Amino acid sequence: MGALNTALQIIQVLISIALVVLIILQSKGSGIGNLLGGGEGGMGITKTRRGLEKTLFQLTIILSAIFLLNAIIQLASQ
């Protein structure tokens, strides 16, 4: 069981690094005004995700689900 736990922990670290990178890539170009509701899309107008932005968003969701699943597996294997 020691080797399995070590492998799961290494996988968890790699997934977390990938998630951080994806989140930083998504927020690139977003100023503080966008975080507070201002910016280009103000007044409730939202922008549709397309192309690379949509792919990054979907990949972030998938990696988040894998991260959660891996954490649950780690808890169950202890």
PDB file of N, CA and C in Angstrom:
ATOM      1  N   MET A   1       0.805  -1.202   0.000  1.00  0.00           N
ATOM      2  CA  MET A   1       0.000   0.000   0.000  1.00  0.00           C
ATOM      3  C   MET A   1       0.848   1.265   0.000  1.00  0.00           C
ATOM      4  N   GLY A   2       2.086   1.188   0.467  1.00  0.00           N
ATOM      5  CA  GLY A   2       2.952   2.356   0.504  1.00  0.00           C
ATOM      6  C   GLY A   2       3.261   2.890  -0.879  1.00  0.00           C
ATOM      7  N   ALA A   3       3.480   1.997  -1.841  1.00  0.00           N
ATOM      8  CA  ALA A   3       3.783   2.423  -3.203  1.00  0.00           C
ATOM      9  C   ALA A   3       2.569   3.070  -3.862  1.00  0.00           C
ATOM     10  N   LEU A   4       1.382   2.533  -3.578  1.00  0.00           N
ATOM     11  CA  LEU A   4       0.154   3.101  -4.136  1.00  0.00           C
ATOM     12  C   LEU A   4      -0.072   4.509  -3.604  1.00  0.00           C
ATOM     13  N   ASN A   5       0.101   4.700  -2.304  1.00  0.00           N
ATOM     14  CA  ASN A   5      -0.095   6.027  -1.716  1.00  0.00           C
ATOM     15  C   ASN A   5       0.911   7.026  -2.265  1.00  0.00           C
ATOM     16  N   THR A   6       2.142   6.587  -2.433  1.00  0.00           N
ATOM     17  CA  THR A   6       3.170   7.469  -2.990  1.00  0.00           C
ATOM     18  C   THR A   6       2.821   7.862  -4.423  1.00  0.00           C
ATOM     19  N   ALA A   7       2.388   6.910  -5.210  1.00  0.00           N
ATOM     20  CA  ALA A   7       2.013   7.192  -6.598  1.00  0.00           C
ATOM     21  C   ALA A   7       0.825   8.150  -6.656  1.00  0.00           C
ATOM     22  N   LEU A   8      -0.171   7.933  -5.803  1.00  0.00           N
ATOM     23  CA  LEU A   8      -1.340   8.810  -5.780  1.00  0.00           C
ATOM     24  C   LEU A   8      -0.964  10.225  -5.346  1.00  0.00           C
ATOM     25  N   GLN A   9      -0.033  10.348  -4.410  1.00  0.00           N
ATOM     26  CA  GLN A   9       0.405  11.669  -3.970  1.00  0.00           C
ATOM     27  C   GLN A   9       1.164  12.399  -5.072  1.00  0.00           C
ATOM     28  N   ILE A  10       1.996  11.672  -5.801  1.00  0.00           N
ATOM     29  CA  ILE A  10       2.731  12.287  -6.911  1.00  0.00           C
ATOM     30  C   ILE A  10       1.754  12.748  -7.994  1.00  0.00           C
ATOM     31  N   ILE A  11       0.770  11.918  -8.288  1.00  0.00           N
ATOM     32  CA  ILE A  11      -0.254  12.282  -9.272  1.00  0.00           C
ATOM     33  C   ILE A  11      -1.014  13.518  -8.813  1.00  0.00           C
ATOM     34  N   GLN A  12      -1.328  13.584  -7.534  1.00  0.00           N
ATOM     35  CA  GLN A  12      -2.061  14.725  -6.980  1.00  0.00           C
ATOM     36  C   GLN A  12      -1.259  16.017  -7.129  1.00  0.00           C
ATOM     37  N   VAL A  13       0.031  15.947  -6.871  1.00  0.00           N
ATOM     38  CA  VAL A  13       0.884  17.129  -7.008  1.00  0.00           C
ATOM     39  C   VAL A  13       0.951  17.576  -8.467  1.00  0.00           C
ATOM     40  N   LEU A  14       1.102  16.625  -9.382  1.00  0.00           N
ATOM     41  CA  LEU A  14       1.165  16.970 -10.806  1.00  0.00           C
ATOM     42  C   LEU A  14      -0.143  17.593 -11.293  1.00  0.00           C
ATOM     43  N   ILE A  15      -1.265  17.041 -10.845  1.00  0.00           N
ATOM     44  CA  ILE A  15      -2.567  17.594 -11.225  1.00  0.00           C
ATOM     45  C   ILE A  15      -2.725  18.995 -10.665  1.00  0.00           C
ATOM     46  N   SER A  16      -2.300  19.205  -9.425  1.00  0.00           N
ATOM     47  CA  SER A  16      -2.445  20.532  -8.819  1.00  0.00           C
ATOM     48  C   SER A  16      -1.590  21.569  -9.548  1.00  0.00           C
ATOM     49  N   ILE A  17      -0.386  21.185  -9.961  1.00  0.00           N
ATOM     50  CA  ILE A  17       0.468  22.108 -10.722  1.00  0.00           C
ATOM     51  C   ILE A  17      -0.196  22.448 -12.054  1.00  0.00           C
ATOM     52  N   ALA A  18      -0.738  21.435 -12.724  1.00  0.00           N
ATOM     53  CA  ALA A  18      -1.424  21.667 -13.998  1.00  0.00           C
ATOM     54  C   ALA A  18      -2.639  22.573 -13.817  1.00  0.00           C
ATOM     55  N   LEU A  19      -3.375  22.390 -12.730  1.00  0.00           N
ATOM     56  CA  LEU A  19      -4.538  23.244 -12.461  1.00  0.00           C
ATOM     57  C   LEU A  19      -4.125  24.690 -12.230  1.00  0.00           C
ATOM     58  N   VAL A  20      -3.057  24.901 -11.487  1.00  0.00           N
ATOM     59  CA  VAL A  20      -2.585  26.259 -11.238  1.00  0.00           C
ATOM     60  C   VAL A  20      -2.206  26.933 -12.551  1.00  0.00           C
ATOM     61  N   VAL A  21      -1.493  26.206 -13.413  1.00  0.00           N
ATOM     62  CA  VAL A  21      -1.087  26.760 -14.702  1.00  0.00           C
ATOM     63  C   VAL A  21      -2.308  27.100 -15.551  1.00  0.00           C
ATOM     64  N   LEU A  22      -3.281  26.209 -15.601  1.00  0.00           N
ATOM     65  CA  LEU A  22      -4.487  26.461 -16.396  1.00  0.00           C
ATOM     66  C   LEU A  22      -5.255  27.667 -15.882  1.00  0.00           C
ATOM     67  N   ILE A  23      -5.364  27.789 -14.578  1.00  0.00           N
ATOM     68  CA  ILE A  23      -6.101  28.917 -14.008  1.00  0.00           C
ATOM     69  C   ILE A  23      -5.373  30.225 -14.289  1.00  0.00           C
ATOM     70  N   ILE A  24      -4.052  30.217 -14.202  1.00  0.00           N
ATOM     71  CA  ILE A  24      -3.290  31.423 -14.522  1.00  0.00           C
ATOM     72  C   ILE A  24      -3.442  31.790 -15.992  1.00  0.00           C
ATOM     73  N   LEU A  25      -3.430  30.794 -16.869  1.00  0.00           N
ATOM     74  CA  LEU A  25      -3.615  31.068 -18.297  1.00  0.00           C
ATOM     75  C   LEU A  25      -4.995  31.648 -18.581  1.00  0.00           C
ATOM     76  N   GLN A  26      -6.002  31.198 -17.853  1.00  0.00           N
ATOM     77  CA  GLN A  26      -7.351  31.708 -18.065  1.00  0.00           C
ATOM     78  C   GLN A  26      -7.491  33.139 -17.590  1.00  0.00           C
ATOM     79  N   SER A  27      -6.828  33.483 -16.509  1.00  0.00           N
ATOM     80  CA  SER A  27      -6.979  34.824 -15.957  1.00  0.00           C
ATOM     81  C   SER A  27      -6.057  35.832 -16.624  1.00  0.00           C
ATOM     82  N   LYS A  28      -5.176  35.374 -17.506  1.00  0.00           N
ATOM     83  CA  LYS A  28      -4.274  36.281 -18.207  1.00  0.00           C
ATOM     84  C   LYS A  28      -5.103  37.241 -19.064  1.00  0.00           C
ATOM     85  N   GLY A  29      -4.848  38.523 -18.914  1.00  0.00           N
ATOM     86  CA  GLY A  29      -5.606  39.516 -19.667  1.00  0.00           C
ATOM     87  C   GLY A  29      -6.814  40.037 -18.915  1.00  0.00           C
ATOM     88  N   SER A  30      -7.123  39.466 -17.759  1.00  0.00           N
ATOM     89  CA  SER A  30      -8.234  39.953 -16.959  1.00  0.00           C
ATOM     90  C   SER A  30      -7.687  40.928 -15.924  1.00  0.00           C
ATOM     91  N   GLY A  31      -8.159  42.128 -15.987  1.00  0.00           N
ATOM     92  CA  GLY A  31      -7.708  43.137 -15.035  1.00  0.00           C
ATOM     93  C   GLY A  31      -8.546  43.107 -13.774  1.00  0.00           C
ATOM     94  N   ILE A  32      -8.206  43.971 -12.836  1.00  0.00           N
ATOM     95  CA  ILE A  32      -8.962  44.046 -11.590  1.00  0.00           C
ATOM     96  C   ILE A  32     -10.378  44.566 -11.849  1.00  0.00           C
ATOM     97  N   GLY A  33     -10.542  45.345 -12.899  1.00  0.00           N
ATOM     98  CA  GLY A  33     -11.873  45.839 -13.246  1.00  0.00           C
ATOM     99  C   GLY A  33     -12.820  44.713 -13.624  1.00  0.00           C
ATOM    100  N   ASN A  34     -12.314  43.722 -14.318  1.00  0.00           N
ATOM    101  CA  ASN A  34     -13.149  42.581 -14.693  1.00  0.00           C
ATOM    102  C   ASN A  34     -13.551  41.765 -13.479  1.00  0.00           C
ATOM    103  N   LEU A  35     -12.662  41.695 -12.492  1.00  0.00           N
ATOM    104  CA  LEU A  35     -12.978  40.936 -11.288  1.00  0.00           C
ATOM    105  C   LEU A  35     -14.093  41.593 -10.499  1.00  0.00           C
ATOM    106  N   LEU A  36     -14.178  42.920 -10.565  1.00  0.00           N
ATOM    107  CA  LEU A  36     -15.179  43.655  -9.805  1.00  0.00           C
ATOM    108  C   LEU A  36     -16.445  43.908 -10.604  1.00  0.00           C
ATOM    109  N   GLY A  37     -16.539  43.357 -11.792  1.00  0.00           N
ATOM    110  CA  GLY A  37     -17.755  43.494 -12.584  1.00  0.00           C
ATOM    111  C   GLY A  37     -17.678  44.560 -13.650  1.00  0.00           C
ATOM    112  N   GLY A  38     -16.586  45.291 -13.722  1.00  0.00           N
ATOM    113  CA  GLY A  38     -16.437  46.317 -14.740  1.00  0.00           C
ATOM    114  C   GLY A  38     -15.796  45.743 -15.982  1.00  0.00           C
ATOM    115  N   GLY A  39     -15.085  46.571 -16.676  1.00  0.00           N
ATOM    116  CA  GLY A  39     -14.372  46.098 -17.854  1.00  0.00           C
ATOM    117  C   GLY A  39     -15.221  46.151 -19.103  1.00  0.00           C
ATOM    118  N   GLU A  40     -14.817  45.401 -20.105  1.00  0.00           N
ATOM    119  CA  GLU A  40     -15.470  45.450 -21.410  1.00  0.00           C
ATOM    120  C   GLU A  40     -16.888  44.923 -21.390  1.00  0.00           C
ATOM    121  N   GLY A  41     -17.129  43.895 -20.610  1.00  0.00           N
ATOM    122  CA  GLY A  41     -18.445  43.262 -20.637  1.00  0.00           C
ATOM    123  C   GLY A  41     -19.361  43.727 -19.525  1.00  0.00           C
ATOM    124  N   GLY A  42     -19.280  44.973 -19.136  1.00  0.00           N
ATOM    125  CA  GLY A  42     -20.067  45.481 -18.020  1.00  0.00           C
ATOM    126  C   GLY A  42     -21.564  45.419 -18.271  1.00  0.00           C
ATOM    127  N   MET A  43     -22.324  45.761 -17.292  1.00  0.00           N
ATOM    128  CA  MET A  43     -23.786  45.830 -17.348  1.00  0.00           C
ATOM    129  C   MET A  43     -24.437  44.483 -17.641  1.00  0.00           C
ATOM    130  N   GLY A  44     -23.861  43.426 -17.147  1.00  0.00           N
ATOM    131  CA  GLY A  44     -24.476  42.116 -17.263  1.00  0.00           C
ATOM    132  C   GLY A  44     -24.275  41.422 -18.595  1.00  0.00           C
ATOM    133  N   ILE A  45     -23.509  41.993 -19.489  1.00  0.00           N
ATOM    134  CA  ILE A  45     -23.256  41.371 -20.785  1.00  0.00           C
ATOM    135  C   ILE A  45     -22.099  40.399 -20.619  1.00  0.00           C
ATOM    136  N   THR A  46     -22.317  39.144 -21.001  1.00  0.00           N
ATOM    137  CA  THR A  46     -21.269  38.145 -20.842  1.00  0.00           C
ATOM    138  C   THR A  46     -20.677  37.784 -22.191  1.00  0.00           C
ATOM    139  N   LYS A  47     -19.460  37.289 -22.153  1.00  0.00           N
ATOM    140  CA  LYS A  47     -18.742  36.917 -23.370  1.00  0.00           C
ATOM    141  C   LYS A  47     -18.803  35.402 -23.528  1.00  0.00           C
ATOM    142  N   THR A  48     -19.034  34.925 -24.723  1.00  0.00           N
ATOM    143  CA  THR A  48     -19.051  33.500 -24.993  1.00  0.00           C
ATOM    144  C   THR A  48     -17.629  32.997 -25.155  1.00  0.00           C
ATOM    145  N   ARG A  49     -17.350  31.868 -24.513  1.00  0.00           N
ATOM    146  CA  ARG A  49     -16.015  31.272 -24.644  1.00  0.00           C
ATOM    147  C   ARG A  49     -15.903  30.579 -26.003  1.00  0.00           C
ATOM    148  N   ARG A  50     -14.790  30.809 -26.665  1.00  0.00           N
ATOM    149  CA  ARG A  50     -14.568  30.187 -27.961  1.00  0.00           C
ATOM    150  C   ARG A  50     -13.123  29.761 -28.084  1.00  0.00           C
ATOM    151  N   GLY A  51     -12.874  28.764 -28.904  1.00  0.00           N
ATOM    152  CA  GLY A  51     -11.524  28.351 -29.250  1.00  0.00           C
ATOM    153  C   GLY A  51     -10.712  27.874 -28.061  1.00  0.00           C
ATOM    154  N   LEU A  52      -9.523  28.458 -27.935  1.00  0.00           N
ATOM    155  CA  LEU A  52      -8.587  28.045 -26.894  1.00  0.00           C
ATOM    156  C   LEU A  52      -9.139  28.320 -25.495  1.00  0.00           C
ATOM    157  N   GLU A  53      -9.842  29.425 -25.341  1.00  0.00           N
ATOM    158  CA  GLU A  53     -10.414  29.767 -24.039  1.00  0.00           C
ATOM    159  C   GLU A  53     -11.416  28.702 -23.581  1.00  0.00           C
ATOM    160  N   LYS A  54     -12.231  28.215 -24.502  1.00  0.00           N
ATOM    161  CA  LYS A  54     -13.201  27.169 -24.180  1.00  0.00           C
ATOM    162  C   LYS A  54     -12.491  25.867 -23.830  1.00  0.00           C
ATOM    163  N   THR A  55     -11.443  25.539 -24.582  1.00  0.00           N
ATOM    164  CA  THR A  55     -10.677  24.318 -24.320  1.00  0.00           C
ATOM    165  C   THR A  55     -10.015  24.374 -22.951  1.00  0.00           C
ATOM    166  N   LEU A  56      -9.417  25.524 -22.606  1.00  0.00           N
ATOM    167  CA  LEU A  56      -8.795  25.679 -21.288  1.00  0.00           C
ATOM    168  C   LEU A  56      -9.825  25.543 -20.174  1.00  0.00           C
ATOM    169  N   PHE A  57     -10.997  26.116 -20.380  1.00  0.00           N
ATOM    170  CA  PHE A  57     -12.073  26.039 -19.390  1.00  0.00           C
ATOM    171  C   PHE A  57     -12.513  24.592 -19.182  1.00  0.00           C
ATOM    172  N   GLN A  58     -12.729  23.865 -20.266  1.00  0.00           N
ATOM    173  CA  GLN A  58     -13.156  22.468 -20.164  1.00  0.00           C
ATOM    174  C   GLN A  58     -12.071  21.600 -19.548  1.00  0.00           C
ATOM    175  N   LEU A  59     -10.823  21.840 -19.903  1.00  0.00           N
ATOM    176  CA  LEU A  59      -9.706  21.088 -19.335  1.00  0.00           C
ATOM    177  C   LEU A  59      -9.577  21.350 -17.838  1.00  0.00           C
ATOM    178  N   THR A  60      -9.844  22.580 -17.409  1.00  0.00           N
ATOM    179  CA  THR A  60      -9.809  22.914 -15.987  1.00  0.00           C
ATOM    180  C   THR A  60     -10.877  22.137 -15.223  1.00  0.00           C
ATOM    181  N   ILE A  61     -12.064  22.044 -15.787  1.00  0.00           N
ATOM    182  CA  ILE A  61     -13.141  21.288 -15.138  1.00  0.00           C
ATOM    183  C   ILE A  61     -12.781  19.812 -15.044  1.00  0.00           C
ATOM    184  N   ILE A  62     -12.244  19.255 -16.114  1.00  0.00           N
ATOM    185  CA  ILE A  62     -11.876  17.837 -16.123  1.00  0.00           C
ATOM    186  C   ILE A  62     -10.774  17.552 -15.103  1.00  0.00           C
ATOM    187  N   LEU A  63      -9.738  18.398 -15.085  1.00  0.00           N
ATOM    188  CA  LEU A  63      -8.654  18.197 -14.118  1.00  0.00           C
ATOM    189  C   LEU A  63      -9.132  18.374 -12.679  1.00  0.00           C
ATOM    190  N   SER A  64     -10.067  19.283 -12.460  1.00  0.00           N
ATOM    191  CA  SER A  64     -10.625  19.462 -11.114  1.00  0.00           C
ATOM    192  C   SER A  64     -11.363  18.210 -10.657  1.00  0.00           C
ATOM    193  N   ALA A  65     -12.106  17.601 -11.571  1.00  0.00           N
ATOM    194  CA  ALA A  65     -12.820  16.369 -11.242  1.00  0.00           C
ATOM    195  C   ALA A  65     -11.839  15.234 -10.952  1.00  0.00           C
ATOM    196  N   ILE A  66     -10.775  15.140 -11.750  1.00  0.00           N
ATOM    197  CA  ILE A  66      -9.756  14.111 -11.520  1.00  0.00           C
ATOM    198  C   ILE A  66      -9.047  14.350 -10.190  1.00  0.00           C
ATOM    199  N   PHE A  67      -8.781  15.618  -9.863  1.00  0.00           N
ATOM    200  CA  PHE A  67      -8.150  15.977  -8.594  1.00  0.00           C
ATOM    201  C   PHE A  67      -9.014  15.508  -7.427  1.00  0.00           C
ATOM    202  N   LEU A  68     -10.315  15.786  -7.511  1.00  0.00           N
ATOM    203  CA  LEU A  68     -11.243  15.375  -6.453  1.00  0.00           C
ATOM    204  C   LEU A  68     -11.322  13.861  -6.348  1.00  0.00           C
ATOM    205  N   LEU A  69     -11.413  13.185  -7.466  1.00  0.00           N
ATOM    206  CA  LEU A  69     -11.477  11.726  -7.473  1.00  0.00           C
ATOM    207  C   LEU A  69     -10.211  11.109  -6.888  1.00  0.00           C
ATOM    208  N   ASN A  70      -9.065  11.665  -7.243  1.00  0.00           N
ATOM    209  CA  ASN A  70      -7.800  11.175  -6.716  1.00  0.00           C
ATOM    210  C   ASN A  70      -7.732  11.379  -5.202  1.00  0.00           C
ATOM    211  N   ALA A  71      -8.226  12.507  -4.714  1.00  0.00           N
ATOM    212  CA  ALA A  71      -8.229  12.769  -3.276  1.00  0.00           C
ATOM    213  C   ALA A  71      -9.118  11.764  -2.541  1.00  0.00           C
ATOM    214  N   ILE A  72     -10.262  11.455  -3.127  1.00  0.00           N
ATOM    215  CA  ILE A  72     -11.172  10.465  -2.507  1.00  0.00           C
ATOM    216  C   ILE A  72     -10.523   9.088  -2.493  1.00  0.00           C
ATOM    217  N   ILE A  73      -9.862   8.722  -3.588  1.00  0.00           N
ATOM    218  CA  ILE A  73      -9.178   7.426  -3.648  1.00  0.00           C
ATOM    219  C   ILE A  73      -8.066   7.358  -2.593  1.00  0.00           C
ATOM    220  N   GLN A  74      -7.344   8.471  -2.410  1.00  0.00           N
ATOM    221  CA  GLN A  74      -6.293   8.503  -1.399  1.00  0.00           C
ATOM    222  C   GLN A  74      -6.865   8.300   0.007  1.00  0.00           C
ATOM    223  N   LEU A  75      -8.006   8.922   0.281  1.00  0.00           N
ATOM    224  CA  LEU A  75      -8.627   8.752   1.594  1.00  0.00           C
ATOM    225  C   LEU A  75      -9.098   7.320   1.803  1.00  0.00           C
ATOM    226  N   ALA A  76      -9.632   6.715   0.765  1.00  0.00           N
ATOM    227  CA  ALA A  76     -10.152   5.353   0.882  1.00  0.00           C
ATOM    228  C   ALA A  76      -9.018   4.335   1.019  1.00  0.00           C
ATOM    229  N   SER A  77      -7.838   4.647   0.477  1.00  0.00           N
ATOM    230  CA  SER A  77      -6.761   3.674   0.499  1.00  0.00           C
ATOM    231  C   SER A  77      -5.950   3.710   1.806  1.00  0.00           C
ATOM    232  N   GLN A  78      -6.249   4.634   2.676  1.00  0.00           N
ATOM    233  CA  GLN A  78      -5.474   4.727   3.935  1.00  0.00           C
ATOM    234  C   GLN A  78      -5.996   3.792   4.974  1.00  0.00           C
TER     235      GLN A  78
END
